[in-house]
Amino acid sequence: MVYNGGYSMSIGAVIVAAGMSSRMGDFKPMLSIGSQSIARRIVSTLRQTGAEEIVMITGHNADALERHLEGCGLTFIRNERYATTQMFDSAALGLNYLKDKCGRILFTPVDVPLFEASTARALIDSGAELACPVCDGKRGHPILITARLVDGILAYSGDGGLGKAMAACGETMIEIPVNDPGSLRDADTPEDYKALLGMYEKW
């Protein structure tokens, strides 16, 4: 099935997990949330949204992470320059890979593991070209990007990373209200991780 001039209706996802977890101390993607690792939980949530092709960008500790996720049906792309590049560079690898394979792409960093599948579905069902969830007045993850916007985003060469690239792509970011605090909660530090565990235990 196609839409908007031939783009596929299928859903893909990009998870960036290339960072060094320097502020956390431990390797974030393989930390546990309940009975699953952070990385496995995000993959499971994205599968529930209907994401058919999920790309994970790896870098630091790539061998261990890829072994950990063996059998999950992921495509792994390594950012070999992870130590000297930014998230935008990793995101670009995944977006470029999926732009001709999926009509709509969900993007999230690996350190936002508690967003709900219903949040991602709300973005998809909105029909927006570019959308993000908003909870308590704050923007969260995942972000929905349609395939036709990817080339414009990847062409951005200024400062400010992915956020600025999306702002410059010519499409307005549509904010989708959700009741999902997990879409806002990331895990950069041990304190963040403790807060994530506390949020999970209240579910």
Protein backbone atom coordinates (compact mmCIF):
# COMPACT_ATOMS: atom_id res chain seq x y z
CA MET A 1 0.00 0.00 0.00
CA VAL A 2 1.27 3.48 -0.85
CA TYR A 3 0.44 7.06 0.01
CA ASN A 4 1.66 10.56 -0.82
CA GLY A 5 3.13 10.01 -4.23
CA GLY A 6 4.30 6.47 -3.84
CA TYR A 7 5.70 6.30 -0.33
CA SER A 8 4.97 3.07 1.51
CA MET A 9 2.44 2.98 4.32
CA SER A 10 4.74 0.73 6.33
CA ILE A 11 6.23 1.82 9.63
CA GLY A 12 9.89 1.67 10.54
CA ALA A 13 11.87 2.79 13.55
CA VAL A 14 15.33 4.06 14.37
CA ILE A 15 16.81 3.55 17.84
CA VAL A 16 20.09 5.34 18.50
CA ALA A 17 22.23 3.36 20.95
CA ALA A 18 25.73 4.41 19.91
CA GLY A 19 26.66 6.60 22.88
CA MET A 20 29.31 5.93 25.48
CA SER A 21 27.00 6.12 28.54
CA SER A 22 29.72 8.19 30.19
CA ARG A 23 27.42 9.96 32.66
CA MET A 24 25.66 6.74 33.60
CA GLY A 25 28.80 4.75 34.32
CA ASP A 26 27.11 1.50 33.24
CA PHE A 27 26.12 0.64 29.67
CA LYS A 28 22.59 2.05 29.41
CA PRO A 29 21.00 -0.16 26.75
CA MET A 30 21.59 -3.31 28.78
CA LEU A 31 20.43 -2.01 32.15
CA SER A 32 17.24 -3.68 33.40
CA ILE A 33 13.74 -2.26 33.55
CA GLY A 34 11.61 -4.93 35.17
CA SER A 35 12.27 -8.25 33.45
CA GLN A 36 13.74 -6.69 30.30
CA SER A 37 16.73 -4.59 29.37
CA ILE A 38 16.18 -0.99 28.33
CA ALA A 39 17.00 -1.91 24.73
CA ARG A 40 14.68 -4.93 24.61
CA ARG A 41 11.85 -2.96 26.16
CA ILE A 42 12.03 -0.26 23.49
CA VAL A 43 12.12 -2.87 20.74
CA SER A 44 9.07 -4.60 22.22
CA THR A 45 7.15 -1.33 22.48
CA LEU A 46 7.95 -0.39 18.89
CA ARG A 47 6.83 -3.81 17.67
CA GLN A 48 3.49 -3.22 19.38
CA THR A 49 3.03 -0.05 17.32
CA GLY A 50 3.36 -2.00 14.09
CA ALA A 51 6.97 -1.11 13.28
CA GLU A 52 8.02 -3.73 10.75
CA GLU A 53 11.65 -2.77 10.30
CA ILE A 54 13.63 -1.54 13.28
CA VAL A 55 17.14 -0.22 12.84
CA MET A 56 19.44 0.18 15.83
CA ILE A 57 22.50 2.36 15.53
CA THR A 58 25.28 0.92 17.64
CA GLY A 59 28.74 2.17 18.50
CA HIS A 60 30.19 1.88 21.98
CA ASN A 61 30.03 -1.74 23.17
CA ALA A 62 28.44 -2.68 19.84
CA ASP A 63 29.44 -6.35 19.89
CA ALA A 64 27.85 -6.98 23.29
CA LEU A 65 24.66 -5.09 22.45
CA GLU A 66 24.19 -6.82 19.13
CA ARG A 67 24.66 -10.22 20.78
CA HIS A 68 22.19 -9.23 23.51
CA LEU A 69 19.56 -8.41 20.89
CA GLU A 70 20.22 -11.37 18.64
CA GLY A 71 16.95 -12.89 17.52
CA CYS A 72 14.97 -9.64 17.85
CA GLY A 73 14.84 -9.15 14.10
CA LEU A 74 16.75 -5.88 14.09
CA THR A 75 19.00 -4.33 11.50
CA PHE A 76 22.19 -3.05 13.11
CA ILE A 77 24.18 -0.18 11.64
CA ARG A 78 27.38 0.82 13.36
CA ASN A 79 28.48 4.39 13.77
CA GLU A 80 32.19 3.69 13.75
CA ARG A 81 32.85 7.32 14.67
CA TYR A 82 30.57 7.28 17.71
CA ALA A 83 33.23 8.75 20.01
CA THR A 84 33.56 11.95 17.97
CA THR A 85 30.10 12.43 16.45
CA GLN A 86 26.70 13.54 17.75
CA MET A 87 23.29 11.88 17.95
CA PHE A 88 22.29 13.54 14.68
CA ASP A 89 25.05 11.65 12.88
CA SER A 90 23.80 8.34 14.26
CA ALA A 91 20.17 9.21 13.53
CA ALA A 92 21.13 10.09 9.96
CA LEU A 93 22.49 6.59 9.37
CA GLY A 94 19.18 5.03 10.35
CA LEU A 95 16.96 7.54 8.57
CA ASN A 96 18.96 7.19 5.37
CA TYR A 97 18.66 3.40 5.55
CA LEU A 98 14.88 3.44 6.05
CA LYS A 99 13.81 6.32 3.82
CA ASP A 100 13.18 4.08 0.79
CA LYS A 101 11.82 1.16 2.81
CA CYS A 102 9.17 2.73 5.08
CA GLY A 103 6.73 5.58 4.65
CA ARG A 104 6.77 6.59 8.31
CA ILE A 105 9.68 6.36 10.72
CA LEU A 106 9.62 6.51 14.51
CA PHE A 107 12.82 7.85 16.03
CA THR A 108 13.99 7.52 19.63
CA PRO A 109 17.25 7.45 21.55
CA VAL A 110 17.73 4.26 23.55
CA ASP A 111 17.59 6.09 26.87
CA VAL A 112 13.83 6.82 26.73
CA PRO A 113 12.52 3.31 27.45
CA LEU A 114 9.14 3.91 29.09
CA PHE A 115 7.04 5.59 26.40
CA GLU A 116 3.84 3.66 25.72
CA ALA A 117 2.91 1.98 22.46
CA SER A 118 -0.29 4.03 22.48
CA THR A 119 1.80 7.20 22.33
CA ALA A 120 3.58 6.06 19.19
CA ARG A 121 0.26 4.97 17.68
CA ALA A 122 -1.20 8.40 18.40
CA LEU A 123 1.59 9.95 16.35
CA ILE A 124 1.01 7.54 13.49
CA ASP A 125 -2.76 7.92 13.56
CA SER A 126 -2.49 11.73 13.55
CA GLY A 127 -1.62 11.71 9.87
CA ALA A 128 1.07 14.32 10.51
CA GLU A 129 4.24 14.47 8.44
CA LEU A 130 6.33 15.37 11.49
CA ALA A 131 5.04 14.86 15.03
CA CYS A 132 6.08 14.42 18.63
CA PRO A 133 4.22 13.63 21.86
CA VAL A 134 3.62 16.39 24.39
CA CYS A 135 2.99 15.62 28.06
CA ASP A 136 2.68 18.27 30.75
CA GLY A 137 3.67 20.90 28.20
CA LYS A 138 6.95 19.18 27.31
CA ARG A 139 7.97 17.44 24.11
CA GLY A 140 9.03 13.82 24.35
CA HIS A 141 9.83 10.72 22.29
CA PRO A 142 9.40 8.98 19.96
CA ILE A 143 9.30 11.40 17.04
CA LEU A 144 7.42 10.57 13.84
CA ILE A 145 9.11 11.51 10.58
CA THR A 146 7.65 10.69 7.17
CA ALA A 147 10.02 9.36 4.54
CA ARG A 148 9.57 12.30 2.21
CA LEU A 149 11.13 14.62 4.81
CA VAL A 150 14.28 12.59 5.34
CA ASP A 151 16.40 14.00 2.52
CA GLY A 152 15.70 17.54 3.68
CA ILE A 153 16.61 16.65 7.26
CA LEU A 154 19.82 14.92 6.19
CA ALA A 155 20.81 17.91 4.05
CA TYR A 156 21.02 20.15 7.13
CA SER A 157 24.58 21.25 7.84
CA GLY A 158 24.17 23.77 10.64
CA ASP A 159 24.52 23.51 14.39
CA GLY A 160 21.87 22.24 16.79
CA GLY A 161 21.66 18.61 15.78
CA LEU A 162 18.52 16.69 14.85
CA GLY A 163 16.18 19.20 16.46
CA LYS A 164 17.43 22.05 14.29
CA ALA A 165 17.53 19.81 11.23
CA MET A 166 13.85 18.96 11.68
CA ALA A 167 12.99 22.61 12.27
CA ALA A 168 14.68 23.51 8.99
CA CYS A 169 13.10 20.78 6.87
CA GLY A 170 10.10 22.87 5.84
CA GLU A 171 7.44 20.97 7.81
CA THR A 172 5.94 22.12 11.10
CA MET A 173 6.33 19.79 14.06
CA ILE A 174 2.84 18.77 15.17
CA GLU A 175 2.52 18.29 18.91
CA ILE A 176 0.28 15.39 19.90
CA PRO A 177 -1.05 15.61 23.49
CA VAL A 178 -0.58 12.39 25.44
CA ASN A 179 -0.87 11.29 29.05
CA ASP A 180 2.45 9.50 29.06
CA PRO A 181 5.16 10.71 31.48
CA GLY A 182 7.37 7.90 30.19
CA SER A 183 7.74 9.76 26.91
CA LEU A 184 9.67 12.45 28.79
CA ARG A 185 11.83 10.39 31.11
CA ASP A 186 15.34 9.63 29.93
CA ALA A 187 18.23 7.85 31.61
CA ASP A 188 21.46 9.80 31.39
CA THR A 189 22.69 9.44 34.96
CA PRO A 190 22.37 6.93 37.83
CA GLU A 191 19.81 9.28 39.40
CA ASP A 192 17.77 9.25 36.18
CA TYR A 193 17.88 5.46 36.12
CA LYS A 194 16.70 5.27 39.72
CA ALA A 195 13.80 7.58 38.83
CA LEU A 196 12.95 5.39 35.84
CA LEU A 197 12.81 2.33 38.05
CA GLY A 198 10.56 4.18 40.47
CA MET A 199 8.21 5.15 37.64
CA TYR A 200 8.13 1.58 36.33
CA GLU A 201 7.38 0.12 39.76
CA LYS A 202 4.31 2.37 40.07
CA TRP A 203 2.75 0.96 36.89
